[in-house]
């Protein structure tokens, strides 16, 4: 069995490979005109994404709208304060 090579560390002159480039971080500078900033990003398998898309369509809303509604309903169910006005 062959030994694995240790990953090399890029020199200061070399850019990081695309897979190692850090994701952008939400900041006030990334706010859109309404002042909205990124809040959530999900990764999952394609079958889960397709299921979630179908659930949103069945609910006659967008995926963001579905998350908004379901989190507000969950907060109310557990006695948590309601979400702020949109």
C-alpha atoms as a PDB file:
ATOM      1  CA  UNK A   1       0.000   0.000   0.000  1.00  0.00           C
ATOM      2  CA  UNK A   2       1.413   3.399  -0.994  1.00  0.00           C
ATOM      3  CA  UNK A   3       1.868   6.105   1.605  1.00  0.00           C
ATOM      4  CA  UNK A   4      -0.171   9.260   1.320  1.00  0.00           C
ATOM      5  CA  UNK A   5       1.648  12.471   0.623  1.00  0.00           C
ATOM      6  CA  UNK A   6       1.248  15.149   3.234  1.00  0.00           C
ATOM      7  CA  UNK A   7      -0.613  18.180   1.891  1.00  0.00           C
ATOM      8  CA  UNK A   8       1.712  20.985   0.956  1.00  0.00           C
ATOM      9  CA  UNK A   9       1.301  24.435   2.415  1.00  0.00           C
ATOM     10  CA  UNK A  10       1.068  27.149  -0.235  1.00  0.00           C
ATOM     11  CA  UNK A  11       3.738  29.800  -0.140  1.00  0.00           C
ATOM     12  CA  UNK A  12       2.617  33.410   0.418  1.00  0.00           C
ATOM     13  CA  UNK A  13       2.917  33.991  -3.357  1.00  0.00           C
ATOM     14  CA  UNK A  14       0.590  31.109  -4.267  1.00  0.00           C
ATOM     15  CA  UNK A  15      -3.181  31.542  -4.147  1.00  0.00           C
ATOM     16  CA  UNK A  16      -5.171  28.910  -2.299  1.00  0.00           C
ATOM     17  CA  UNK A  17      -6.773  26.253  -4.478  1.00  0.00           C
ATOM     18  CA  UNK A  18     -10.525  26.899  -5.047  1.00  0.00           C
ATOM     19  CA  UNK A  19     -11.604  24.147  -2.612  1.00  0.00           C
ATOM     20  CA  UNK A  20      -9.654  25.792   0.206  1.00  0.00           C
ATOM     21  CA  UNK A  21     -10.727  29.375  -0.418  1.00  0.00           C
ATOM     22  CA  UNK A  22     -12.771  30.485   2.593  1.00  0.00           C
ATOM     23  CA  UNK A  23     -16.434  31.294   2.042  1.00  0.00           C
ATOM     24  CA  UNK A  24     -17.439  34.944   2.276  1.00  0.00           C
ATOM     25  CA  UNK A  25     -18.674  36.040   5.669  1.00  0.00           C
ATOM     26  CA  UNK A  26     -21.868  38.056   6.011  1.00  0.00           C
ATOM     27  CA  UNK A  27     -21.177  41.620   7.014  1.00  0.00           C
ATOM     28  CA  UNK A  28     -23.052  44.915   6.980  1.00  0.00           C
ATOM     29  CA  UNK A  29     -21.355  45.557   3.629  1.00  0.00           C
ATOM     30  CA  UNK A  30     -23.207  42.587   2.087  1.00  0.00           C
ATOM     31  CA  UNK A  31     -26.635  43.971   3.018  1.00  0.00           C
ATOM     32  CA  UNK A  32     -28.994  44.564   0.140  1.00  0.00           C
ATOM     33  CA  UNK A  33     -31.006  47.758  -0.265  1.00  0.00           C
ATOM     34  CA  UNK A  34     -33.564  46.589   2.308  1.00  0.00           C
ATOM     35  CA  UNK A  35     -30.793  45.958   4.839  1.00  0.00           C
ATOM     36  CA  UNK A  36     -31.084  42.158   4.598  1.00  0.00           C
ATOM     37  CA  UNK A  37     -27.952  40.110   5.262  1.00  0.00           C
ATOM     38  CA  UNK A  38     -27.358  36.395   4.606  1.00  0.00           C
ATOM     39  CA  UNK A  39     -28.538  34.323   7.572  1.00  0.00           C
ATOM     40  CA  UNK A  40     -28.575  30.665   6.610  1.00  0.00           C
ATOM     41  CA  UNK A  41     -26.952  28.353   4.116  1.00  0.00           C
ATOM     42  CA  UNK A  42     -27.758  24.649   3.978  1.00  0.00           C
ATOM     43  CA  UNK A  43     -25.922  21.796   2.347  1.00  0.00           C
ATOM     44  CA  UNK A  44     -27.545  18.476   1.750  1.00  0.00           C
ATOM     45  CA  UNK A  45     -28.040  15.703  -0.711  1.00  0.00           C
ATOM     46  CA  UNK A  46     -29.888  16.338  -3.960  1.00  0.00           C
ATOM     47  CA  UNK A  47     -32.815  14.151  -2.869  1.00  0.00           C
ATOM     48  CA  UNK A  48     -33.305  16.316   0.237  1.00  0.00           C
ATOM     49  CA  UNK A  49     -33.101  19.505  -1.830  1.00  0.00           C
ATOM     50  CA  UNK A  50     -35.701  18.116  -4.257  1.00  0.00           C
ATOM     51  CA  UNK A  51     -37.955  17.094  -1.358  1.00  0.00           C
ATOM     52  CA  UNK A  52     -37.655  20.552   0.237  1.00  0.00           C
ATOM     53  CA  UNK A  53     -38.381  22.273  -3.094  1.00  0.00           C
ATOM     54  CA  UNK A  54     -41.495  20.112  -3.540  1.00  0.00           C
ATOM     55  CA  UNK A  55     -42.609  20.932   0.023  1.00  0.00           C
ATOM     56  CA  UNK A  56     -42.282  24.664  -0.682  1.00  0.00           C
ATOM     57  CA  UNK A  57     -44.241  24.311  -3.941  1.00  0.00           C
ATOM     58  CA  UNK A  58     -46.960  22.292  -2.185  1.00  0.00           C
ATOM     59  CA  UNK A  59     -47.109  25.041   0.468  1.00  0.00           C
ATOM     60  CA  UNK A  60     -47.377  27.675  -2.314  1.00  0.00           C
ATOM     61  CA  UNK A  61     -44.367  29.611  -1.043  1.00  0.00           C
ATOM     62  CA  UNK A  62     -40.647  30.008  -1.675  1.00  0.00           C
ATOM     63  CA  UNK A  63     -38.025  27.977   0.177  1.00  0.00           C
ATOM     64  CA  UNK A  64     -37.070  31.104   2.152  1.00  0.00           C
ATOM     65  CA  UNK A  65     -40.746  31.748   2.909  1.00  0.00           C
ATOM     66  CA  UNK A  66     -41.180  28.177   4.107  1.00  0.00           C
ATOM     67  CA  UNK A  67     -38.199  28.452   6.462  1.00  0.00           C
ATOM     68  CA  UNK A  68     -39.512  31.796   7.719  1.00  0.00           C
ATOM     69  CA  UNK A  69     -42.991  30.425   8.401  1.00  0.00           C
ATOM     70  CA  UNK A  70     -41.842  27.165   9.968  1.00  0.00           C
ATOM     71  CA  UNK A  71     -39.328  28.818  12.297  1.00  0.00           C
ATOM     72  CA  UNK A  72     -41.968  31.344  13.424  1.00  0.00           C
ATOM     73  CA  UNK A  73     -44.442  28.496  14.060  1.00  0.00           C
ATOM     74  CA  UNK A  74     -41.814  26.525  15.971  1.00  0.00           C
ATOM     75  CA  UNK A  75     -40.892  29.554  18.092  1.00  0.00           C
ATOM     76  CA  UNK A  76     -44.558  30.048  19.006  1.00  0.00           C
ATOM     77  CA  UNK A  77     -44.999  26.326  19.775  1.00  0.00           C
ATOM     78  CA  UNK A  78     -42.103  26.331  22.257  1.00  0.00           C
ATOM     79  CA  UNK A  79     -43.046  29.660  23.841  1.00  0.00           C
ATOM     80  CA  UNK A  80     -40.215  31.668  22.302  1.00  0.00           C
ATOM     81  CA  UNK A  81     -40.703  35.333  21.416  1.00  0.00           C
ATOM     82  CA  UNK A  82     -42.155  36.033  17.953  1.00  0.00           C
ATOM     83  CA  UNK A  83     -39.817  37.014  15.122  1.00  0.00           C
ATOM     84  CA  UNK A  84     -39.236  40.709  14.439  1.00  0.00           C
ATOM     85  CA  UNK A  85     -41.245  42.493  11.742  1.00  0.00           C
ATOM     86  CA  UNK A  86     -39.938  41.870   8.246  1.00  0.00           C
END
